């Protein structure tokens, strides 16, 4: 889980740098916001699952699905808040979200 979060953090930094190069500061902030919007709920979900597994020895499928639902709902809520509070650059925001969300798949390519 840590590897996935680290990859998402690196992907968010890369997306922000690329957005700054092509869209300026507003694009960089939008891409960084997208990274935070995706990483924070994922980190909460990973922490919740690891605490459940440590406490009871295993995680039930109900815990997983409830946690995943809360993660998606939190991501959507943070996205709405970011759009309301900041004049986002939409292409950079969507680019940042796509890069960060796809970075989690890279964690499965290499076995640890």
C-alpha atoms as a PDB file:
ATOM      1  CA  UNK A   1       0.000   0.000   0.000  1.00  0.00           C
ATOM      2  CA  UNK A   2       2.866   2.337   0.767  1.00  0.00           C
ATOM      3  CA  UNK A   3       4.347   1.734  -2.654  1.00  0.00           C
ATOM      4  CA  UNK A   4       1.076   2.736  -4.311  1.00  0.00           C
ATOM      5  CA  UNK A   5       0.872   5.956  -2.316  1.00  0.00           C
ATOM      6  CA  UNK A   6       4.493   6.827  -3.110  1.00  0.00           C
ATOM      7  CA  UNK A   7       3.897   6.213  -6.810  1.00  0.00           C
ATOM      8  CA  UNK A   8       0.787   8.394  -6.699  1.00  0.00           C
ATOM      9  CA  UNK A   9       2.743  11.144  -4.977  1.00  0.00           C
ATOM     10  CA  UNK A  10       5.494  10.987  -7.614  1.00  0.00           C
ATOM     11  CA  UNK A  11       2.886  10.988 -10.376  1.00  0.00           C
ATOM     12  CA  UNK A  12       1.219  14.056  -8.850  1.00  0.00           C
ATOM     13  CA  UNK A  13       4.544  15.891  -8.751  1.00  0.00           C
ATOM     14  CA  UNK A  14       5.245  14.927 -12.363  1.00  0.00           C
ATOM     15  CA  UNK A  15       1.763  16.022 -13.466  1.00  0.00           C
ATOM     16  CA  UNK A  16       2.159  19.357 -11.668  1.00  0.00           C
ATOM     17  CA  UNK A  17       5.535  19.960 -13.326  1.00  0.00           C
ATOM     18  CA  UNK A  18       4.187  19.113 -16.775  1.00  0.00           C
ATOM     19  CA  UNK A  19       1.105  21.266 -16.215  1.00  0.00           C
ATOM     20  CA  UNK A  20       3.329  24.157 -15.126  1.00  0.00           C
ATOM     21  CA  UNK A  21       5.340  23.766 -18.305  1.00  0.00           C
ATOM     22  CA  UNK A  22       2.310  23.807 -20.591  1.00  0.00           C
ATOM     23  CA  UNK A  23      -0.358  25.775 -18.689  1.00  0.00           C
ATOM     24  CA  UNK A  24       1.523  27.956 -16.228  1.00  0.00           C
ATOM     25  CA  UNK A  25       0.994  28.360 -12.513  1.00  0.00           C
ATOM     26  CA  UNK A  26      -2.783  27.906 -12.628  1.00  0.00           C
ATOM     27  CA  UNK A  27      -2.313  24.588 -14.407  1.00  0.00           C
ATOM     28  CA  UNK A  28       0.316  23.473 -11.910  1.00  0.00           C
ATOM     29  CA  UNK A  29      -1.942  24.270  -8.967  1.00  0.00           C
ATOM     30  CA  UNK A  30      -4.845  22.482 -10.651  1.00  0.00           C
ATOM     31  CA  UNK A  31      -2.753  19.361 -11.251  1.00  0.00           C
ATOM     32  CA  UNK A  32      -1.434  19.463  -7.682  1.00  0.00           C
ATOM     33  CA  UNK A  33      -5.001  19.781  -6.398  1.00  0.00           C
ATOM     34  CA  UNK A  34      -5.958  16.772  -8.487  1.00  0.00           C
ATOM     35  CA  UNK A  35      -3.119  14.823  -6.906  1.00  0.00           C
ATOM     36  CA  UNK A  36      -4.209  15.777  -3.402  1.00  0.00           C
ATOM     37  CA  UNK A  37      -7.830  14.969  -4.228  1.00  0.00           C
ATOM     38  CA  UNK A  38      -6.810  11.452  -5.253  1.00  0.00           C
ATOM     39  CA  UNK A  39      -4.049  10.753  -2.731  1.00  0.00           C
ATOM     40  CA  UNK A  40      -5.747  11.825   0.505  1.00  0.00           C
ATOM     41  CA  UNK A  41      -8.724   9.419   0.267  1.00  0.00           C
ATOM     42  CA  UNK A  42      -6.411   6.619  -0.881  1.00  0.00           C
ATOM     43  CA  UNK A  43      -4.130   7.190   2.107  1.00  0.00           C
ATOM     44  CA  UNK A  44      -7.124   7.157   4.459  1.00  0.00           C
ATOM     45  CA  UNK A  45      -8.381   3.938   2.875  1.00  0.00           C
ATOM     46  CA  UNK A  46      -4.979   2.253   3.176  1.00  0.00           C
ATOM     47  CA  UNK A  47      -4.613   3.341   6.790  1.00  0.00           C
ATOM     48  CA  UNK A  48      -8.117   2.122   7.650  1.00  0.00           C
ATOM     49  CA  UNK A  49      -7.526  -1.286   6.056  1.00  0.00           C
ATOM     50  CA  UNK A  50      -4.144  -1.760   7.703  1.00  0.00           C
ATOM     51  CA  UNK A  51      -5.558  -0.868  11.126  1.00  0.00           C
ATOM     52  CA  UNK A  52      -8.455  -3.300  10.619  1.00  0.00           C
ATOM     53  CA  UNK A  53      -6.081  -6.060   9.555  1.00  0.00           C
ATOM     54  CA  UNK A  54      -3.785  -5.416  12.502  1.00  0.00           C
ATOM     55  CA  UNK A  55      -6.651  -5.402  14.997  1.00  0.00           C
ATOM     56  CA  UNK A  56      -8.592  -8.447  13.830  1.00  0.00           C
ATOM     57  CA  UNK A  57      -6.017 -10.305  11.745  1.00  0.00           C
ATOM     58  CA  UNK A  58      -8.014 -10.032   8.521  1.00  0.00           C
ATOM     59  CA  UNK A  59     -10.217  -7.644   6.593  1.00  0.00           C
ATOM     60  CA  UNK A  60     -13.720  -8.639   5.588  1.00  0.00           C
ATOM     61  CA  UNK A  61     -15.080  -7.912   2.154  1.00  0.00           C
ATOM     62  CA  UNK A  62     -17.705  -5.640   3.741  1.00  0.00           C
ATOM     63  CA  UNK A  63     -14.932  -3.521   5.305  1.00  0.00           C
ATOM     64  CA  UNK A  64     -13.239  -3.280   1.929  1.00  0.00           C
ATOM     65  CA  UNK A  65     -16.362  -2.267   0.010  1.00  0.00           C
ATOM     66  CA  UNK A  66     -17.504   0.241   2.621  1.00  0.00           C
ATOM     67  CA  UNK A  67     -14.030   1.754   2.667  1.00  0.00           C
ATOM     68  CA  UNK A  68     -13.937   1.905  -1.122  1.00  0.00           C
ATOM     69  CA  UNK A  69     -17.348   3.593  -1.219  1.00  0.00           C
ATOM     70  CA  UNK A  70     -16.225   6.183   1.323  1.00  0.00           C
ATOM     71  CA  UNK A  71     -13.019   6.726  -0.661  1.00  0.00           C
ATOM     72  CA  UNK A  72     -14.918   7.416  -3.889  1.00  0.00           C
ATOM     73  CA  UNK A  73     -17.442   9.662  -2.123  1.00  0.00           C
ATOM     74  CA  UNK A  74     -14.630  11.602  -0.431  1.00  0.00           C
ATOM     75  CA  UNK A  75     -12.821  12.005  -3.746  1.00  0.00           C
ATOM     76  CA  UNK A  76     -15.949  13.427  -5.363  1.00  0.00           C
ATOM     77  CA  UNK A  77     -16.598  15.743  -2.409  1.00  0.00           C
ATOM     78  CA  UNK A  78     -13.017  17.055  -2.480  1.00  0.00           C
ATOM     79  CA  UNK A  79     -13.321  17.606  -6.219  1.00  0.00           C
ATOM     80  CA  UNK A  80     -16.467  19.686  -5.739  1.00  0.00           C
ATOM     81  CA  UNK A  81     -14.798  21.723  -2.991  1.00  0.00           C
ATOM     82  CA  UNK A  82     -11.714  22.353  -5.130  1.00  0.00           C
ATOM     83  CA  UNK A  83     -13.807  23.487  -8.091  1.00  0.00           C
ATOM     84  CA  UNK A  84     -15.884  25.805  -5.903  1.00  0.00           C
ATOM     85  CA  UNK A  85     -12.908  27.380  -4.107  1.00  0.00           C
ATOM     86  CA  UNK A  86     -10.403  27.681  -6.961  1.00  0.00           C
ATOM     87  CA  UNK A  87     -10.757  28.586 -10.625  1.00  0.00           C
ATOM     88  CA  UNK A  88      -9.238  25.349 -11.856  1.00  0.00           C
ATOM     89  CA  UNK A  89      -7.658  24.823 -15.242  1.00  0.00           C
ATOM     90  CA  UNK A  90      -9.787  21.871 -16.335  1.00  0.00           C
ATOM     91  CA  UNK A  91      -7.359  20.170 -18.733  1.00  0.00           C
ATOM     92  CA  UNK A  92      -4.620  20.218 -16.075  1.00  0.00           C
ATOM     93  CA  UNK A  93      -6.993  18.992 -13.373  1.00  0.00           C
ATOM     94  CA  UNK A  94      -8.213  16.097 -15.498  1.00  0.00           C
ATOM     95  CA  UNK A  95      -4.666  15.289 -16.644  1.00  0.00           C
ATOM     96  CA  UNK A  96      -3.471  15.261 -13.043  1.00  0.00           C
ATOM     97  CA  UNK A  97      -6.312  13.015 -11.916  1.00  0.00           C
ATOM     98  CA  UNK A  98      -5.768  10.590 -14.799  1.00  0.00           C
ATOM     99  CA  UNK A  99      -2.028  10.331 -14.148  1.00  0.00           C
ATOM    100  CA  UNK A 100      -2.390   9.874 -10.389  1.00  0.00           C
ATOM    101  CA  UNK A 101      -5.200   7.330 -10.629  1.00  0.00           C
ATOM    102  CA  UNK A 102      -3.293   5.286 -13.203  1.00  0.00           C
ATOM    103  CA  UNK A 103      -0.117   5.331 -11.116  1.00  0.00           C
ATOM    104  CA  UNK A 104      -1.608   2.810  -8.707  1.00  0.00           C
ATOM    105  CA  UNK A 105      -1.517   0.199 -11.468  1.00  0.00           C
ATOM    106  CA  UNK A 106       2.252   0.605 -11.732  1.00  0.00           C
ATOM    107  CA  UNK A 107       2.596  -0.724  -8.192  1.00  0.00           C
ATOM    108  CA  UNK A 108       1.471  -4.154  -9.373  1.00  0.00           C
ATOM    109  CA  UNK A 109       4.040  -4.400 -12.172  1.00  0.00           C
ATOM    110  CA  UNK A 110       6.953  -5.024  -9.863  1.00  0.00           C
ATOM    111  CA  UNK A 111       6.733  -7.588  -7.117  1.00  0.00           C
ATOM    112  CA  UNK A 112       8.298  -6.568  -3.842  1.00  0.00           C
END
